[in-house]
Amino acid sequence: MRAFLLSIKPKYRRAILGGKKFELRRLVGPRVERGDPIVPYFSSPVKAVMGAFVAGEVYVGTRRELDRC
C-alpha cells in the first residue's frame, strides 16, 4: 500500500470534497490500487492539502472501455 498526493484544480474542490464518486485521469503515474490512501492537493491559488480518502475500485482502459463500466 502506498499513499498518493493527487493534484486537483481548485474549480473541482467542491465536487471532490462534496463526495464526488470518481476521478478520470489520463495517467496516474504509479498505479493506484484499491485501499491506497489518497491526499488531494488543490493547486494555485488555493495551494493546500484538504482531507484524505481511500481509493475504491480502480479501472484502467481506454475511454471507450471505461464508458462501459
C-alpha atoms as a PDB file:
ATOM      1  CA  MET A   1       0.000   0.000   0.000  1.00  0.00           C
ATOM      2  CA  ARG A   2       1.288   3.463  -0.975  1.00  0.00           C
ATOM      3  CA  ALA A   3      -0.089   6.935  -0.269  1.00  0.00           C
ATOM      4  CA  PHE A   4      -0.690   9.275  -3.218  1.00  0.00           C
ATOM      5  CA  LEU A   5      -0.754  13.064  -3.407  1.00  0.00           C
ATOM      6  CA  LEU A   6      -3.338  13.907  -6.087  1.00  0.00           C
ATOM      7  CA  SER A   7      -3.091  17.391  -7.618  1.00  0.00           C
ATOM      8  CA  ILE A   8      -6.547  18.829  -8.351  1.00  0.00           C
ATOM      9  CA  LYS A   9      -7.592  22.166  -9.826  1.00  0.00           C
ATOM     10  CA  PRO A  10      -9.448  24.333  -7.284  1.00  0.00           C
ATOM     11  CA  LYS A  11     -12.547  24.567  -9.517  1.00  0.00           C
ATOM     12  CA  TYR A  12     -13.192  20.853  -8.763  1.00  0.00           C
ATOM     13  CA  ARG A  13     -12.709  21.226  -4.990  1.00  0.00           C
ATOM     14  CA  ARG A  14     -16.400  21.469  -4.116  1.00  0.00           C
ATOM     15  CA  ALA A  15     -17.258  18.297  -6.082  1.00  0.00           C
ATOM     16  CA  ILE A  16     -14.357  16.294  -4.612  1.00  0.00           C
ATOM     17  CA  LEU A  17     -14.962  17.340  -1.008  1.00  0.00           C
ATOM     18  CA  GLY A  18     -18.719  17.010  -1.501  1.00  0.00           C
ATOM     19  CA  GLY A  19     -18.498  13.302  -2.263  1.00  0.00           C
ATOM     20  CA  LYS A  20     -17.781  13.010  -5.991  1.00  0.00           C
ATOM     21  CA  LYS A  21     -17.616   9.268  -6.641  1.00  0.00           C
ATOM     22  CA  PHE A  22     -14.903   9.028  -9.307  1.00  0.00           C
ATOM     23  CA  GLU A  23     -11.969  10.795 -10.924  1.00  0.00           C
ATOM     24  CA  LEU A  24     -10.941  10.187 -14.529  1.00  0.00           C
ATOM     25  CA  ARG A  25      -7.223  10.605 -15.200  1.00  0.00           C
ATOM     26  CA  ARG A  26      -5.235  10.145 -18.407  1.00  0.00           C
ATOM     27  CA  LEU A  27      -2.172   8.997 -16.490  1.00  0.00           C
ATOM     28  CA  VAL A  28      -1.892   8.431 -12.781  1.00  0.00           C
ATOM     29  CA  GLY A  29       1.798   7.529 -12.627  1.00  0.00           C
ATOM     30  CA  PRO A  30       2.352   4.530 -10.391  1.00  0.00           C
ATOM     31  CA  ARG A  31      -0.888   2.572 -10.438  1.00  0.00           C
ATOM     32  CA  VAL A  32      -3.270   3.386  -7.619  1.00  0.00           C
ATOM     33  CA  GLU A  33      -4.770   0.264  -6.091  1.00  0.00           C
ATOM     34  CA  ARG A  34      -7.912  -0.308  -4.057  1.00  0.00           C
ATOM     35  CA  GLY A  35      -7.256   0.666  -0.437  1.00  0.00           C
ATOM     36  CA  ASP A  36      -4.428   3.124  -1.173  1.00  0.00           C
ATOM     37  CA  PRO A  37      -4.740   6.395   0.774  1.00  0.00           C
ATOM     38  CA  ILE A  38      -5.221   9.467  -1.448  1.00  0.00           C
ATOM     39  CA  VAL A  39      -4.444  13.005  -0.252  1.00  0.00           C
ATOM     40  CA  PRO A  40      -5.881  15.741  -2.505  1.00  0.00           C
ATOM     41  CA  TYR A  41      -3.708  18.817  -3.090  1.00  0.00           C
ATOM     42  CA  PHE A  42      -5.582  21.783  -4.532  1.00  0.00           C
ATOM     43  CA  SER A  43      -3.308  23.806  -6.805  1.00  0.00           C
ATOM     44  CA  SER A  44      -2.980  27.588  -7.198  1.00  0.00           C
ATOM     45  CA  PRO A  45      -4.479  29.844  -5.942  1.00  0.00           C
ATOM     46  CA  VAL A  46      -5.600  27.578  -3.042  1.00  0.00           C
ATOM     47  CA  LYS A  47      -2.270  25.715  -2.626  1.00  0.00           C
ATOM     48  CA  ALA A  48      -3.464  23.441   0.151  1.00  0.00           C
ATOM     49  CA  VAL A  49      -3.972  19.812   1.157  1.00  0.00           C
ATOM     50  CA  MET A  50      -7.557  19.230   2.269  1.00  0.00           C
ATOM     51  CA  GLY A  51      -8.713  15.920   3.669  1.00  0.00           C
ATOM     52  CA  ALA A  52      -7.895  12.388   2.591  1.00  0.00           C
ATOM     53  CA  PHE A  53      -9.746   9.328   1.327  1.00  0.00           C
ATOM     54  CA  VAL A  54      -9.140   5.683   0.467  1.00  0.00           C
ATOM     55  CA  ALA A  55      -9.192   4.540  -3.172  1.00  0.00           C
ATOM     56  CA  GLY A  56     -12.094   2.313  -4.097  1.00  0.00           C
ATOM     57  CA  GLU A  57     -12.313   0.259  -7.271  1.00  0.00           C
ATOM     58  CA  VAL A  58      -9.687   1.255  -9.883  1.00  0.00           C
ATOM     59  CA  TYR A  59     -10.464   0.794 -13.593  1.00  0.00           C
ATOM     60  CA  VAL A  60      -7.798   1.020 -16.300  1.00  0.00           C
ATOM     61  CA  GLY A  61      -8.641   1.152 -20.001  1.00  0.00           C
ATOM     62  CA  THR A  62      -9.410   3.317 -22.995  1.00  0.00           C
ATOM     63  CA  ARG A  63     -12.151   5.939 -22.786  1.00  0.00           C
ATOM     64  CA  ARG A  64     -14.446   3.648 -24.783  1.00  0.00           C
ATOM     65  CA  GLU A  65     -13.778   0.716 -22.431  1.00  0.00           C
ATOM     66  CA  LEU A  66     -14.361   2.879 -19.353  1.00  0.00           C
ATOM     67  CA  ASP A  67     -17.668   4.214 -20.731  1.00  0.00           C
ATOM     68  CA  ARG A  68     -18.982   0.651 -20.382  1.00  0.00           C
ATOM     69  CA  CYS A  69     -18.140   0.401 -16.652  1.00  0.00           C
END
